PDB file of N, CA and C in Angstrom:
ATOM      1  N   UNK A   1     120.090 115.513  90.004  1.00  0.00           N
ATOM      2  CA  UNK A   1     119.644 114.298  90.644  1.00  0.00           C
ATOM      3  C   UNK A   1     118.456 114.631  91.546  1.00  0.00           C
ATOM      4  N   UNK A   2     117.382 113.915  91.373  1.00  0.00           N
ATOM      5  CA  UNK A   2     116.186 114.116  92.182  1.00  0.00           C
ATOM      6  C   UNK A   2     115.841 112.834  92.931  1.00  0.00           C
ATOM      7  N   UNK A   3     115.625 112.965  94.222  1.00  0.00           N
ATOM      8  CA  UNK A   3     115.227 111.839  95.072  1.00  0.00           C
ATOM      9  C   UNK A   3     114.020 112.266  95.877  1.00  0.00           C
ATOM     10  N   UNK A   4     113.211 111.305  96.275  1.00  0.00           N
ATOM     11  CA  UNK A   4     112.083 111.622  97.142  1.00  0.00           C
ATOM     12  C   UNK A   4     111.789 110.437  98.054  1.00  0.00           C
ATOM     13  N   UNK A   5     111.123 110.757  99.162  1.00  0.00           N
ATOM     14  CA  UNK A   5     110.725 109.709 100.101  1.00  0.00           C
ATOM     15  C   UNK A   5     109.270 109.335  99.829  1.00  0.00           C
ATOM     16  N   UNK A   6     108.843 108.261 100.451  1.00  0.00           N
ATOM     17  CA  UNK A   6     107.427 107.916 100.442  1.00  0.00           C
ATOM     18  C   UNK A   6     106.689 108.980 101.244  1.00  0.00           C
ATOM     19  N   UNK A   7     105.419 109.172 100.947  1.00  0.00           N
ATOM     20  CA  UNK A   7     104.605 110.062 101.776  1.00  0.00           C
ATOM     21  C   UNK A   7     104.362 109.369 103.102  1.00  0.00           C
ATOM     22  N   UNK A   8     104.478 110.145 104.186  1.00  0.00           N
ATOM     23  CA  UNK A   8     104.240 109.595 105.517  1.00  0.00           C
ATOM     24  C   UNK A   8     103.157 110.411 106.202  1.00  0.00           C
ATOM     25  N   UNK A   9     102.531 109.799 107.177  1.00  0.00           N
ATOM     26  CA  UNK A   9     101.537 110.492 107.977  1.00  0.00           C
ATOM     27  C   UNK A   9     102.128 110.776 109.345  1.00  0.00           C
ATOM     28  N   UNK A  10     102.006 112.019 109.786  1.00  0.00           N
ATOM     29  CA  UNK A  10     102.480 112.431 111.103  1.00  0.00           C
ATOM     30  C   UNK A  10     101.258 112.863 111.904  1.00  0.00           C
ATOM     31  N   UNK A  11     101.146 112.336 113.106  1.00  0.00           N
ATOM     32  CA  UNK A  11      99.990 112.639 113.951  1.00  0.00           C
ATOM     33  C   UNK A  11     100.192 113.954 114.710  1.00  0.00           C
ATOM     34  N   UNK A  12     100.336 115.014 113.951  1.00  0.00           N
ATOM     35  CA  UNK A  12     100.471 116.375 114.476  1.00  0.00           C
ATOM     36  C   UNK A  12      99.748 117.295 113.499  1.00  0.00           C
ATOM     37  N   UNK A  13      99.362 118.467 113.974  1.00  0.00           N
ATOM     38  CA  UNK A  13      98.748 119.437 113.068  1.00  0.00           C
ATOM     39  C   UNK A  13      99.829 120.025 112.154  1.00  0.00           C
ATOM     40  N   UNK A  14      99.412 120.607 111.047  1.00  0.00           N
ATOM     41  CA  UNK A  14     100.354 121.250 110.130  1.00  0.00           C
ATOM     42  C   UNK A  14     101.134 122.343 110.860  1.00  0.00           C
ATOM     43  N   UNK A  15     100.448 123.096 111.719  1.00  0.00           N
ATOM     44  CA  UNK A  15     101.111 124.157 112.475  1.00  0.00           C
ATOM     45  C   UNK A  15     102.166 123.569 113.410  1.00  0.00           C
ATOM     46  N   UNK A  16     101.835 122.484 114.128  1.00  0.00           N
ATOM     47  CA  UNK A  16     102.796 121.871 115.063  1.00  0.00           C
ATOM     48  C   UNK A  16     104.030 121.362 114.340  1.00  0.00           C
ATOM     49  N   UNK A  17     103.848 120.640 113.237  1.00  0.00           N
ATOM     50  CA  UNK A  17     105.000 120.072 112.541  1.00  0.00           C
ATOM     51  C   UNK A  17     105.836 121.168 111.888  1.00  0.00           C
ATOM     52  N   UNK A  18     105.180 122.193 111.343  1.00  0.00           N
ATOM     53  CA  UNK A  18     105.900 123.313 110.735  1.00  0.00           C
ATOM     54  C   UNK A  18     106.739 124.040 111.777  1.00  0.00           C
ATOM     55  N   UNK A  19     106.142 124.356 112.923  1.00  0.00           N
ATOM     56  CA  UNK A  19     106.880 125.063 113.975  1.00  0.00           C
ATOM     57  C   UNK A  19     108.000 124.205 114.551  1.00  0.00           C
ATOM     58  N   UNK A  20     107.772 122.896 114.662  1.00  0.00           N
ATOM     59  CA  UNK A  20     108.804 121.979 115.143  1.00  0.00           C
ATOM     60  C   UNK A  20     110.008 122.008 114.201  1.00  0.00           C
ATOM     61  N   UNK A  21     109.754 121.941 112.892  1.00  0.00           N
ATOM     62  CA  UNK A  21     110.849 121.842 111.927  1.00  0.00           C
ATOM     63  C   UNK A  21     111.484 123.177 111.560  1.00  0.00           C
ATOM     64  N   UNK A  22     110.814 124.287 111.798  1.00  0.00           N
ATOM     65  CA  UNK A  22     111.474 125.573 111.563  1.00  0.00           C
ATOM     66  C   UNK A  22     112.361 125.958 112.744  1.00  0.00           C
ATOM     67  N   UNK A  23     112.252 125.224 113.857  1.00  0.00           N
ATOM     68  CA  UNK A  23     113.232 125.337 114.946  1.00  0.00           C
ATOM     69  C   UNK A  23     114.317 124.325 114.608  1.00  0.00           C
ATOM     70  N   UNK A  24     115.394 124.784 114.010  1.00  0.00           N
ATOM     71  CA  UNK A  24     116.421 123.888 113.475  1.00  0.00           C
ATOM     72  C   UNK A  24     117.034 122.966 114.517  1.00  0.00           C
ATOM     73  N   UNK A  25     116.981 123.327 115.788  1.00  0.00           N
ATOM     74  CA  UNK A  25     117.491 122.440 116.842  1.00  0.00           C
ATOM     75  C   UNK A  25     116.786 121.088 116.810  1.00  0.00           C
ATOM     76  N   UNK A  26     115.539 121.071 116.371  1.00  0.00           N
ATOM     77  CA  UNK A  26     114.769 119.832 116.370  1.00  0.00           C
ATOM     78  C   UNK A  26     115.202 118.843 115.299  1.00  0.00           C
ATOM     79  N   UNK A  27     115.966 119.286 114.311  1.00  0.00           N
ATOM     80  CA  UNK A  27     116.446 118.350 113.295  1.00  0.00           C
ATOM     81  C   UNK A  27     117.387 117.309 113.895  1.00  0.00           C
ATOM     82  N   UNK A  28     117.997 117.636 115.018  1.00  0.00           N
ATOM     83  CA  UNK A  28     118.894 116.661 115.650  1.00  0.00           C
ATOM     84  C   UNK A  28     118.146 115.376 115.988  1.00  0.00           C
ATOM     85  N   UNK A  29     116.881 115.491 116.398  1.00  0.00           N
ATOM     86  CA  UNK A  29     116.102 114.304 116.753  1.00  0.00           C
ATOM     87  C   UNK A  29     115.699 113.483 115.528  1.00  0.00           C
ATOM     88  N   UNK A  30     115.845 114.034 114.336  1.00  0.00           N
ATOM     89  CA  UNK A  30     115.511 113.310 113.110  1.00  0.00           C
ATOM     90  C   UNK A  30     116.719 112.640 112.467  1.00  0.00           C
ATOM     91  N   UNK A  31     117.912 113.002 112.930  1.00  0.00           N
ATOM     92  CA  UNK A  31     119.144 112.498 112.330  1.00  0.00           C
ATOM     93  C   UNK A  31     119.314 110.995 112.557  1.00  0.00           C
ATOM     94  N   UNK A  32     120.034 110.341 111.637  1.00  0.00           N
ATOM     95  CA  UNK A  32     120.337 108.911 111.810  1.00  0.00           C
ATOM     96  C   UNK A  32     121.207 108.675 113.043  1.00  0.00           C
ATOM     97  N   UNK A  33     121.236 107.428 113.494  1.00  0.00           N
ATOM     98  CA  UNK A  33     122.051 107.068 114.655  1.00  0.00           C
ATOM     99  C   UNK A  33     123.532 107.309 114.405  1.00  0.00           C
ATOM    100  N   UNK A  34     123.950 107.338 113.133  1.00  0.00           N
ATOM    101  CA  UNK A  34     125.372 107.527 112.806  1.00  0.00           C
ATOM    102  C   UNK A  34     125.811 108.991 112.914  1.00  0.00           C
ATOM    103  N   UNK A  35     124.943 109.860 113.459  1.00  0.00           N
ATOM    104  CA  UNK A  35     125.277 111.276 113.626  1.00  0.00           C
ATOM    105  C   UNK A  35     126.446 111.409 114.603  1.00  0.00           C
ATOM    106  N   UNK A  36     127.463 112.121 114.164  1.00  0.00           N
ATOM    107  CA  UNK A  36     128.612 112.365 115.028  1.00  0.00           C
ATOM    108  C   UNK A  36     128.702 113.821 115.471  1.00  0.00           C
ATOM    109  N   UNK A  37     128.025 114.719 114.729  1.00  0.00           N
ATOM    110  CA  UNK A  37     128.097 116.138 115.051  1.00  0.00           C
ATOM    111  C   UNK A  37     126.791 116.806 114.641  1.00  0.00           C
ATOM    112  N   UNK A  38     126.349 117.752 115.470  1.00  0.00           N
ATOM    113  CA  UNK A  38     125.167 118.543 115.139  1.00  0.00           C
ATOM    114  C   UNK A  38     125.269 119.875 115.859  1.00  0.00           C
ATOM    115  N   UNK A  39     125.309 120.977 115.095  1.00  0.00           N
ATOM    116  CA  UNK A  39     125.419 122.313 115.687  1.00  0.00           C
ATOM    117  C   UNK A  39     124.505 123.271 114.938  1.00  0.00           C
ATOM    118  N   UNK A  40     123.710 124.022 115.675  1.00  0.00           N
ATOM    119  CA  UNK A  40     122.842 125.038 115.080  1.00  0.00           C
ATOM    120  C   UNK A  40     123.503 126.401 115.230  1.00  0.00           C
ATOM    121  N   UNK A  41     123.438 127.196 114.164  1.00  0.00           N
ATOM    122  CA  UNK A  41     123.989 128.546 114.178  1.00  0.00           C
ATOM    123  C   UNK A  41     123.018 129.456 113.427  1.00  0.00           C
ATOM    124  N   UNK A  42     122.132 130.125 114.153  1.00  0.00           N
ATOM    125  CA  UNK A  42     121.163 131.030 113.532  1.00  0.00           C
ATOM    126  C   UNK A  42     120.177 130.290 112.652  1.00  0.00           C
ATOM    127  N   UNK A  43     120.177 130.618 111.354  1.00  0.00           N
ATOM    128  CA  UNK A  43     119.247 129.983 110.424  1.00  0.00           C
ATOM    129  C   UNK A  43     119.888 128.836 109.650  1.00  0.00           C
ATOM    130  N   UNK A  44     120.914 128.212 110.256  1.00  0.00           N
ATOM    131  CA  UNK A  44     121.569 127.073 109.617  1.00  0.00           C
ATOM    132  C   UNK A  44     121.992 126.059 110.671  1.00  0.00           C
ATOM    133  N   UNK A  45     122.253 124.843 110.198  1.00  0.00           N
ATOM    134  CA  UNK A  45     122.825 123.845 111.090  1.00  0.00           C
ATOM    135  C   UNK A  45     123.860 123.021 110.338  1.00  0.00           C
ATOM    136  N   UNK A  46     124.830 122.544 111.092  1.00  0.00           N
ATOM    137  CA  UNK A  46     125.927 121.735 110.587  1.00  0.00           C
ATOM    138  C   UNK A  46     125.753 120.346 111.166  1.00  0.00           C
ATOM    139  N   UNK A  47     125.877 119.337 110.304  1.00  0.00           N
ATOM    140  CA  UNK A  47     125.816 117.977 110.823  1.00  0.00           C
ATOM    141  C   UNK A  47     126.864 117.114 110.152  1.00  0.00           C
ATOM    142  N   UNK A  48     127.288 116.116 110.869  1.00  0.00           N
ATOM    143  CA  UNK A  48     128.249 115.166 110.350  1.00  0.00           C
ATOM    144  C   UNK A  48     127.787 113.769 110.671  1.00  0.00           C
ATOM    145  N   UNK A  49     127.836 112.904 109.661  1.00  0.00           N
ATOM    146  CA  UNK A  49     127.493 111.498 109.848  1.00  0.00           C
ATOM    147  C   UNK A  49     128.764 110.685 109.692  1.00  0.00           C
ATOM    148  N   UNK A  50     128.821 109.564 110.376  1.00  0.00           N
ATOM    149  CA  UNK A  50     130.000 108.709 110.335  1.00  0.00           C
ATOM    150  C   UNK A  50     130.350 108.359 108.889  1.00  0.00           C
ATOM    151  N   UNK A  51     131.605 108.613 108.514  1.00  0.00           N
ATOM    152  CA  UNK A  51     132.094 108.267 107.188  1.00  0.00           C
ATOM    153  C   UNK A  51     131.711 109.243 106.086  1.00  0.00           C
ATOM    154  N   UNK A  52     131.094 110.379 106.451  1.00  0.00           N
ATOM    155  CA  UNK A  52     130.702 111.364 105.439  1.00  0.00           C
ATOM    156  C   UNK A  52     131.227 112.738 105.844  1.00  0.00           C
ATOM    157  N   UNK A  53     131.425 113.627 104.861  1.00  0.00           N
ATOM    158  CA  UNK A  53     131.874 114.989 105.213  1.00  0.00           C
ATOM    159  C   UNK A  53     130.761 115.749 105.923  1.00  0.00           C
ATOM    160  N   UNK A  54     131.142 116.753 106.711  1.00  0.00           N
ATOM    161  CA  UNK A  54     130.154 117.590 107.391  1.00  0.00           C
ATOM    162  C   UNK A  54     129.437 118.456 106.365  1.00  0.00           C
ATOM    163  N   UNK A  55     128.150 118.687 106.597  1.00  0.00           N
ATOM    164  CA  UNK A  55     127.321 119.477 105.682  1.00  0.00           C
ATOM    165  C   UNK A  55     126.587 120.542 106.486  1.00  0.00           C
ATOM    166  N   UNK A  56     126.568 121.754 105.953  1.00  0.00           N
ATOM    167  CA  UNK A  56     125.803 122.840 106.561  1.00  0.00           C
ATOM    168  C   UNK A  56     124.580 123.099 105.700  1.00  0.00           C
ATOM    169  N   UNK A  57     123.413 123.077 106.349  1.00  0.00           N
ATOM    170  CA  UNK A  57     122.154 123.390 105.672  1.00  0.00           C
ATOM    171  C   UNK A  57     121.619 124.710 106.193  1.00  0.00           C
ATOM    172  N   UNK A  58     121.120 125.529 105.283  1.00  0.00           N
ATOM    173  CA  UNK A  58     120.579 126.844 105.599  1.00  0.00           C
ATOM    174  C   UNK A  58     119.082 126.834 105.316  1.00  0.00           C
ATOM    175  N   UNK A  59     118.319 127.423 106.225  1.00  0.00           N
ATOM    176  CA  UNK A  59     116.881 127.566 106.016  1.00  0.00           C
ATOM    177  C   UNK A  59     116.682 128.603 104.909  1.00  0.00           C
ATOM    178  N   UNK A  60     116.299 128.142 103.726  1.00  0.00           N
ATOM    179  CA  UNK A  60     116.241 129.005 102.552  1.00  0.00           C
ATOM    180  C   UNK A  60     114.846 129.590 102.331  1.00  0.00           C
ATOM    181  N   UNK A  61     113.806 128.788 102.588  1.00  0.00           N
ATOM    182  CA  UNK A  61     112.442 129.238 102.312  1.00  0.00           C
ATOM    183  C   UNK A  61     111.480 128.536 103.261  1.00  0.00           C
ATOM    184  N   UNK A  62     110.441 129.254 103.648  1.00  0.00           N
ATOM    185  CA  UNK A  62     109.380 128.641 104.437  1.00  0.00           C
ATOM    186  C   UNK A  62     108.040 129.241 104.036  1.00  0.00           C
ATOM    187  N   UNK A  63     107.098 128.362 103.741  1.00  0.00           N
ATOM    188  CA  UNK A  63     105.740 128.769 103.427  1.00  0.00           C
ATOM    189  C   UNK A  63     104.902 128.247 104.586  1.00  0.00           C
ATOM    190  N   UNK A  64     104.327 129.165 105.339  1.00  0.00           N
ATOM    191  CA  UNK A  64     103.684 128.827 106.606  1.00  0.00           C
ATOM    192  C   UNK A  64     102.780 127.596 106.512  1.00  0.00           C
ATOM    193  N   UNK A  65     103.127 126.617 107.334  1.00  0.00           N
ATOM    194  CA  UNK A  65     102.374 125.379 107.540  1.00  0.00           C
ATOM    195  C   UNK A  65     102.338 124.440 106.335  1.00  0.00           C
ATOM    196  N   UNK A  66     103.121 124.717 105.278  1.00  0.00           N
ATOM    197  CA  UNK A  66     103.034 123.808 104.134  1.00  0.00           C
ATOM    198  C   UNK A  66     104.374 123.426 103.494  1.00  0.00           C
ATOM    199  N   UNK A  67     105.424 124.234 103.669  1.00  0.00           N
ATOM    200  CA  UNK A  67     106.667 123.932 102.963  1.00  0.00           C
ATOM    201  C   UNK A  67     107.866 124.530 103.685  1.00  0.00           C
ATOM    202  N   UNK A  68     108.953 123.737 103.741  1.00  0.00           N
ATOM    203  CA  UNK A  68     110.228 124.187 104.294  1.00  0.00           C
ATOM    204  C   UNK A  68     111.312 123.761 103.313  1.00  0.00           C
ATOM    205  N   UNK A  69     112.187 124.697 102.938  1.00  0.00           N
ATOM    206  CA  UNK A  69     113.285 124.385 102.018  1.00  0.00           C
ATOM    207  C   UNK A  69     114.603 124.674 102.719  1.00  0.00           C
ATOM    208  N   UNK A  70     115.460 123.660 102.758  1.00  0.00           N
ATOM    209  CA  UNK A  70     116.820 123.790 103.272  1.00  0.00           C
ATOM    210  C   UNK A  70     117.762 123.685 102.081  1.00  0.00           C
ATOM    211  N   UNK A  71     118.828 124.471 102.088  1.00  0.00           N
ATOM    212  CA  UNK A  71     119.794 124.434 100.988  1.00  0.00           C
ATOM    213  C   UNK A  71     121.197 124.265 101.552  1.00  0.00           C
ATOM    214  N   UNK A  72     122.041 123.603 100.776  1.00  0.00           N
ATOM    215  CA  UNK A  72     123.435 123.446 101.171  1.00  0.00           C
ATOM    216  C   UNK A  72     124.113 124.810 101.174  1.00  0.00           C
ATOM    217  N   UNK A  73     124.900 125.066 102.205  1.00  0.00           N
ATOM    218  CA  UNK A  73     125.602 126.344 102.304  1.00  0.00           C
ATOM    219  C   UNK A  73     126.805 126.395 101.361  1.00  0.00           C
ATOM    220  N   UNK A  74     127.321 125.235 100.983  1.00  0.00           N
ATOM    221  CA  UNK A  74     128.511 125.167 100.136  1.00  0.00           C
ATOM    222  C   UNK A  74     128.130 125.015  98.670  1.00  0.00           C
ATOM    223  N   UNK A  75     128.809 125.764  97.814  1.00  0.00           N
ATOM    224  CA  UNK A  75     128.565 125.626  96.373  1.00  0.00           C
ATOM    225  C   UNK A  75     129.249 124.382  95.804  1.00  0.00           C
ATOM    226  N   UNK A  76     130.068 123.710  96.607  1.00  0.00           N
ATOM    227  CA  UNK A  76     130.721 122.480  96.151  1.00  0.00           C
ATOM    228  C   UNK A  76     129.717 121.339  96.014  1.00  0.00           C
ATOM    229  N   UNK A  77     128.698 121.339  96.858  1.00  0.00           N
ATOM    230  CA  UNK A  77     127.633 120.341  96.791  1.00  0.00           C
ATOM    231  C   UNK A  77     126.294 121.075  96.716  1.00  0.00           C
ATOM    232  N   UNK A  78     125.939 121.592  95.544  1.00  0.00           N
ATOM    233  CA  UNK A  78     124.707 122.376  95.442  1.00  0.00           C
ATOM    234  C   UNK A  78     123.457 121.487  95.472  1.00  0.00           C
ATOM    235  N   UNK A  79     122.658 121.635  96.528  1.00  0.00           N
ATOM    236  CA  UNK A  79     121.419 120.867  96.608  1.00  0.00           C
ATOM    237  C   UNK A  79     120.422 121.545  97.527  1.00  0.00           C
ATOM    238  N   UNK A  80     119.172 121.136  97.387  1.00  0.00           N
ATOM    239  CA  UNK A  80     118.113 121.572  98.294  1.00  0.00           C
ATOM    240  C   UNK A  80     117.381 120.353  98.819  1.00  0.00           C
ATOM    241  N   UNK A  81     116.845 120.510 100.008  1.00  0.00           N
ATOM    242  CA  UNK A  81     116.018 119.493 100.641  1.00  0.00           C
ATOM    243  C   UNK A  81     114.696 120.184 100.983  1.00  0.00           C
ATOM    244  N   UNK A  82     113.615 119.738 100.339  1.00  0.00           N
ATOM    245  CA  UNK A  82     112.311 120.368 100.498  1.00  0.00           C
ATOM    246  C   UNK A  82     111.369 119.428 101.232  1.00  0.00           C
ATOM    247  N   UNK A  83     110.702 119.962 102.225  1.00  0.00           N
ATOM    248  CA  UNK A  83     109.706 119.209 102.985  1.00  0.00           C
ATOM    249  C   UNK A  83     108.340 119.801 102.688  1.00  0.00           C
ATOM    250  N   UNK A  84     107.464 118.996 102.116  1.00  0.00           N
ATOM    251  CA  UNK A  84     106.092 119.424 101.883  1.00  0.00           C
ATOM    252  C   UNK A  84     105.211 118.882 102.996  1.00  0.00           C
ATOM    253  N   UNK A  85     104.332 119.730 103.501  1.00  0.00           N
ATOM    254  CA  UNK A  85     103.412 119.374 104.584  1.00  0.00           C
ATOM    255  C   UNK A  85     101.993 119.627 104.079  1.00  0.00           C
ATOM    256  N   UNK A  86     101.183 118.578 104.033  1.00  0.00           N
ATOM    257  CA  UNK A  86      99.797 118.712 103.589  1.00  0.00           C
ATOM    258  C   UNK A  86      98.875 118.255 104.708  1.00  0.00           C
ATOM    259  N   UNK A  87      98.050 119.165 105.199  1.00  0.00           N
ATOM    260  CA  UNK A  87      97.127 118.821 106.283  1.00  0.00           C
ATOM    261  C   UNK A  87      96.091 117.817 105.799  1.00  0.00           C
ATOM    262  N   UNK A  88      95.898 116.756 106.587  1.00  0.00           N
ATOM    263  CA  UNK A  88      94.831 115.786 106.331  1.00  0.00           C
ATOM    264  C   UNK A  88      93.589 116.232 107.092  1.00  0.00           C
ATOM    265  N   UNK A  89      93.813 116.565 108.367  1.00  0.00           N
ATOM    266  CA  UNK A  89      92.763 117.118 109.227  1.00  0.00           C
ATOM    267  C   UNK A  89      93.449 117.952 110.308  1.00  0.00           C
ATOM    268  N   UNK A  90      92.749 118.296 111.368  1.00  0.00           N
ATOM    269  CA  UNK A  90      93.323 119.171 112.396  1.00  0.00           C
ATOM    270  C   UNK A  90      94.452 118.538 113.204  1.00  0.00           C
ATOM    271  N   UNK A  91      94.567 117.205 113.160  1.00  0.00           N
ATOM    272  CA  UNK A  91      95.571 116.559 114.002  1.00  0.00           C
ATOM    273  C   UNK A  91      96.506 115.618 113.242  1.00  0.00           C
ATOM    274  N   UNK A  92      96.530 115.687 111.930  1.00  0.00           N
ATOM    275  CA  UNK A  92      97.481 114.862 111.177  1.00  0.00           C
ATOM    276  C   UNK A  92      97.811 115.506 109.830  1.00  0.00           C
ATOM    277  N   UNK A  93      99.019 115.215 109.378  1.00  0.00           N
ATOM    278  CA  UNK A  93      99.507 115.738 108.102  1.00  0.00           C
ATOM    279  C   UNK A  93     100.131 114.614 107.295  1.00  0.00           C
ATOM    280  N   UNK A  94     100.184 114.838 105.996  1.00  0.00           N
ATOM    281  CA  UNK A  94     100.935 113.970 105.110  1.00  0.00           C
ATOM    282  C   UNK A  94     102.173 114.761 104.725  1.00  0.00           C
ATOM    283  N   UNK A  95     103.330 114.122 104.821  1.00  0.00           N
ATOM    284  CA  UNK A  95     104.585 114.822 104.582  1.00  0.00           C
ATOM    285  C   UNK A  95     105.459 114.017 103.632  1.00  0.00           C
ATOM    286  N   UNK A  96     106.280 114.731 102.865  1.00  0.00           N
ATOM    287  CA  UNK A  96     107.196 114.076 101.940  1.00  0.00           C
ATOM    288  C   UNK A  96     108.429 114.953 101.764  1.00  0.00           C
ATOM    289  N   UNK A  97     109.596 114.321 101.679  1.00  0.00           N
ATOM    290  CA  UNK A  97     110.863 115.026 101.460  1.00  0.00           C
ATOM    291  C   UNK A  97     111.310 114.862 100.011  1.00  0.00           C
ATOM    292  N   UNK A  98     111.830 115.951  99.446  1.00  0.00           N
ATOM    293  CA  UNK A  98     112.364 115.947  98.089  1.00  0.00           C
ATOM    294  C   UNK A  98     113.790 116.490  98.117  1.00  0.00           C
ATOM    295  N   UNK A  99     114.711 115.739  97.525  1.00  0.00           N
ATOM    296  CA  UNK A  99     116.108 116.151  97.414  1.00  0.00           C
ATOM    297  C   UNK A  99     116.361 116.484  95.953  1.00  0.00           C
ATOM    298  N   UNK A 100     116.956 117.658  95.714  1.00  0.00           N
ATOM    299  CA  UNK A 100     117.315 118.048  94.349  1.00  0.00           C
ATOM    300  C   UNK A 100     118.747 118.548  94.367  1.00  0.00           C
ATOM    301  N   UNK A 101     119.620 117.871  93.627  1.00  0.00           N
ATOM    302  CA  UNK A 101     121.027 118.251  93.607  1.00  0.00           C
ATOM    303  C   UNK A 101     121.576 118.325  92.200  1.00  0.00           C
ATOM    304  N   UNK A 102     122.589 119.142  92.026  1.00  0.00           N
ATOM    305  CA  UNK A 102     123.237 119.324  90.736  1.00  0.00           C
ATOM    306  C   UNK A 102     124.648 118.755  90.837  1.00  0.00           C
ATOM    307  N   UNK A 103     124.778 117.473  90.477  1.00  0.00           N
ATOM    308  CA  UNK A 103     126.058 116.781  90.598  1.00  0.00           C
ATOM    309  C   UNK A 103     126.453 116.189  89.261  1.00  0.00           C
ATOM    310  N   UNK A 104     127.761 116.006  89.074  1.00  0.00           N
ATOM    311  CA  UNK A 104     128.192 115.322  87.861  1.00  0.00           C
ATOM    312  C   UNK A 104     127.775 113.848  87.958  1.00  0.00           C
ATOM    313  N   UNK A 105     127.671 113.156  86.829  1.00  0.00           N
ATOM    314  CA  UNK A 105     127.157 111.776  86.841  1.00  0.00           C
ATOM    315  C   UNK A 105     127.925 110.817  87.762  1.00  0.00           C
ATOM    316  N   UNK A 106     129.245 110.963  87.828  1.00  0.00           N
ATOM    317  CA  UNK A 106     130.044 110.072  88.686  1.00  0.00           C
ATOM    318  C   UNK A 106     129.726 110.311  90.156  1.00  0.00           C
ATOM    319  N   UNK A 107     129.666 111.583  90.552  1.00  0.00           N
ATOM    320  CA  UNK A 107     129.334 111.929  91.939  1.00  0.00           C
ATOM    321  C   UNK A 107     127.923 111.440  92.267  1.00  0.00           C
ATOM    322  N   UNK A 108     126.981 111.672  91.366  1.00  0.00           N
ATOM    323  CA  UNK A 108     125.595 111.260  91.589  1.00  0.00           C
ATOM    324  C   UNK A 108     125.509 109.754  91.815  1.00  0.00           C
ATOM    325  N   UNK A 109     126.257 108.988  91.033  1.00  0.00           N
ATOM    326  CA  UNK A 109     126.240 107.535  91.162  1.00  0.00           C
ATOM    327  C   UNK A 109     126.759 107.108  92.547  1.00  0.00           C
ATOM    328  N   UNK A 110     127.793 107.785  93.020  1.00  0.00           N
ATOM    329  CA  UNK A 110     128.406 107.416  94.303  1.00  0.00           C
ATOM    330  C   UNK A 110     127.526 107.781  95.496  1.00  0.00           C
ATOM    331  N   UNK A 111     126.806 108.898  95.415  1.00  0.00           N
ATOM    332  CA  UNK A 111     126.087 109.369  96.600  1.00  0.00           C
ATOM    333  C   UNK A 111     124.592 109.074  96.592  1.00  0.00           C
ATOM    334  N   UNK A 112     124.060 108.566  95.492  1.00  0.00           N
ATOM    335  CA  UNK A 112     122.618 108.348  95.397  1.00  0.00           C
ATOM    336  C   UNK A 112     122.101 107.417  96.496  1.00  0.00           C
ATOM    337  N   UNK A 113     122.738 106.283  96.686  1.00  0.00           N
ATOM    338  CA  UNK A 113     122.300 105.310  97.699  1.00  0.00           C
ATOM    339  C   UNK A 113     122.337 105.874  99.113  1.00  0.00           C
ATOM    340  N   UNK A 114     123.495 106.404  99.551  1.00  0.00           N
ATOM    341  CA  UNK A 114     123.559 106.970 100.901  1.00  0.00           C
ATOM    342  C   UNK A 114     122.591 108.143 101.115  1.00  0.00           C
ATOM    343  N   UNK A 115     122.402 108.978 100.091  1.00  0.00           N
ATOM    344  CA  UNK A 115     121.475 110.103 100.226  1.00  0.00           C
ATOM    345  C   UNK A 115     120.031 109.632 100.361  1.00  0.00           C
ATOM    346  N   UNK A 116     119.653 108.629  99.561  1.00  0.00           N
ATOM    347  CA  UNK A 116     118.288 108.111  99.657  1.00  0.00           C
ATOM    348  C   UNK A 116     118.050 107.525 101.048  1.00  0.00           C
ATOM    349  N   UNK A 117     119.042 106.807 101.554  1.00  0.00           N
ATOM    350  CA  UNK A 117     118.925 106.234 102.896  1.00  0.00           C
ATOM    351  C   UNK A 117     118.795 107.343 103.942  1.00  0.00           C
ATOM    352  N   UNK A 118     119.563 108.412 103.789  1.00  0.00           N
ATOM    353  CA  UNK A 118     119.530 109.531 104.722  1.00  0.00           C
ATOM    354  C   UNK A 118     118.156 110.197 104.743  1.00  0.00           C
ATOM    355  N   UNK A 119     117.608 110.542 103.573  1.00  0.00           N
ATOM    356  CA  UNK A 119     116.314 111.226 103.572  1.00  0.00           C
ATOM    357  C   UNK A 119     115.193 110.281 104.021  1.00  0.00           C
ATOM    358  N   UNK A 120     115.343 108.989 103.730  1.00  0.00           N
ATOM    359  CA  UNK A 120     114.351 108.021 104.230  1.00  0.00           C
ATOM    360  C   UNK A 120     114.363 107.986 105.757  1.00  0.00           C
ATOM    361  N   UNK A 121     115.554 108.035 106.351  1.00  0.00           N
ATOM    362  CA  UNK A 121     115.673 108.034 107.809  1.00  0.00           C
ATOM    363  C   UNK A 121     115.041 109.288 108.405  1.00  0.00           C
ATOM    364  N   UNK A 122     115.305 110.455 107.797  1.00  0.00           N
ATOM    365  CA  UNK A 122     114.665 111.686 108.289  1.00  0.00           C
ATOM    366  C   UNK A 122     113.149 111.543 108.265  1.00  0.00           C
ATOM    367  N   UNK A 123     112.635 111.016 107.181  1.00  0.00           N
ATOM    368  CA  UNK A 123     111.195 110.865 107.014  1.00  0.00           C
ATOM    369  C   UNK A 123     110.618 109.871 108.029  1.00  0.00           C
ATOM    370  N   UNK A 124     111.285 108.723 108.192  1.00  0.00           N
ATOM    371  CA  UNK A 124     110.822 107.707 109.154  1.00  0.00           C
ATOM    372  C   UNK A 124     110.826 108.269 110.573  1.00  0.00           C
ATOM    373  N   UNK A 125     111.853 109.011 110.925  1.00  0.00           N
ATOM    374  CA  UNK A 125     111.930 109.594 112.265  1.00  0.00           C
ATOM    375  C   UNK A 125     110.865 110.667 112.457  1.00  0.00           C
ATOM    376  N   UNK A 126     110.524 111.370 111.389  1.00  0.00           N
ATOM    377  CA  UNK A 126     109.465 112.369 111.477  1.00  0.00           C
ATOM    378  C   UNK A 126     108.106 111.693 111.734  1.00  0.00           C
ATOM    379  N   UNK A 127     107.906 110.530 111.145  1.00  0.00           N
ATOM    380  CA  UNK A 127     106.647 109.805 111.335  1.00  0.00           C
ATOM    381  C   UNK A 127     106.438 109.407 112.788  1.00  0.00           C
ATOM    382  N   UNK A 128     107.549 109.285 113.544  1.00  0.00           N
ATOM    383  CA  UNK A 128     107.465 108.866 114.955  1.00  0.00           C
ATOM    384  C   UNK A 128     107.240 110.020 115.915  1.00  0.00           C
ATOM    385  N   UNK A 129     107.191 111.239 115.406  1.00  0.00           N
ATOM    386  CA  UNK A 129     107.038 112.401 116.284  1.00  0.00           C
ATOM    387  C   UNK A 129     105.712 112.359 117.054  1.00  0.00           C
TER     388      UNK A 129
END
């Protein structure tokens, strides 16, 4: 299952947004209002949203100033969340989130809507930085 957000413009340099998002503590400010739990542990963070199971994401890959990849720590829900950062100029970037998961068709059907809403919220909150 592949999902993506609209491209958004963030009024920060590529370096600023990359450094902000590689500090996993800052993901808490991007979470939806329904966040009930958020804990950072080294290169991973655990979050829980109302009515959903807790998920741990691990910082899997980072390409300086252009790409950040987070992956699910559990093999029960194998997925990655990739953030692409493209500099427009010295003070703004275009950013987009991509979700890629390997789920059975029934699971994919059940979680597609909530997941799209979740990544859209992360993206919208990033635009407000």
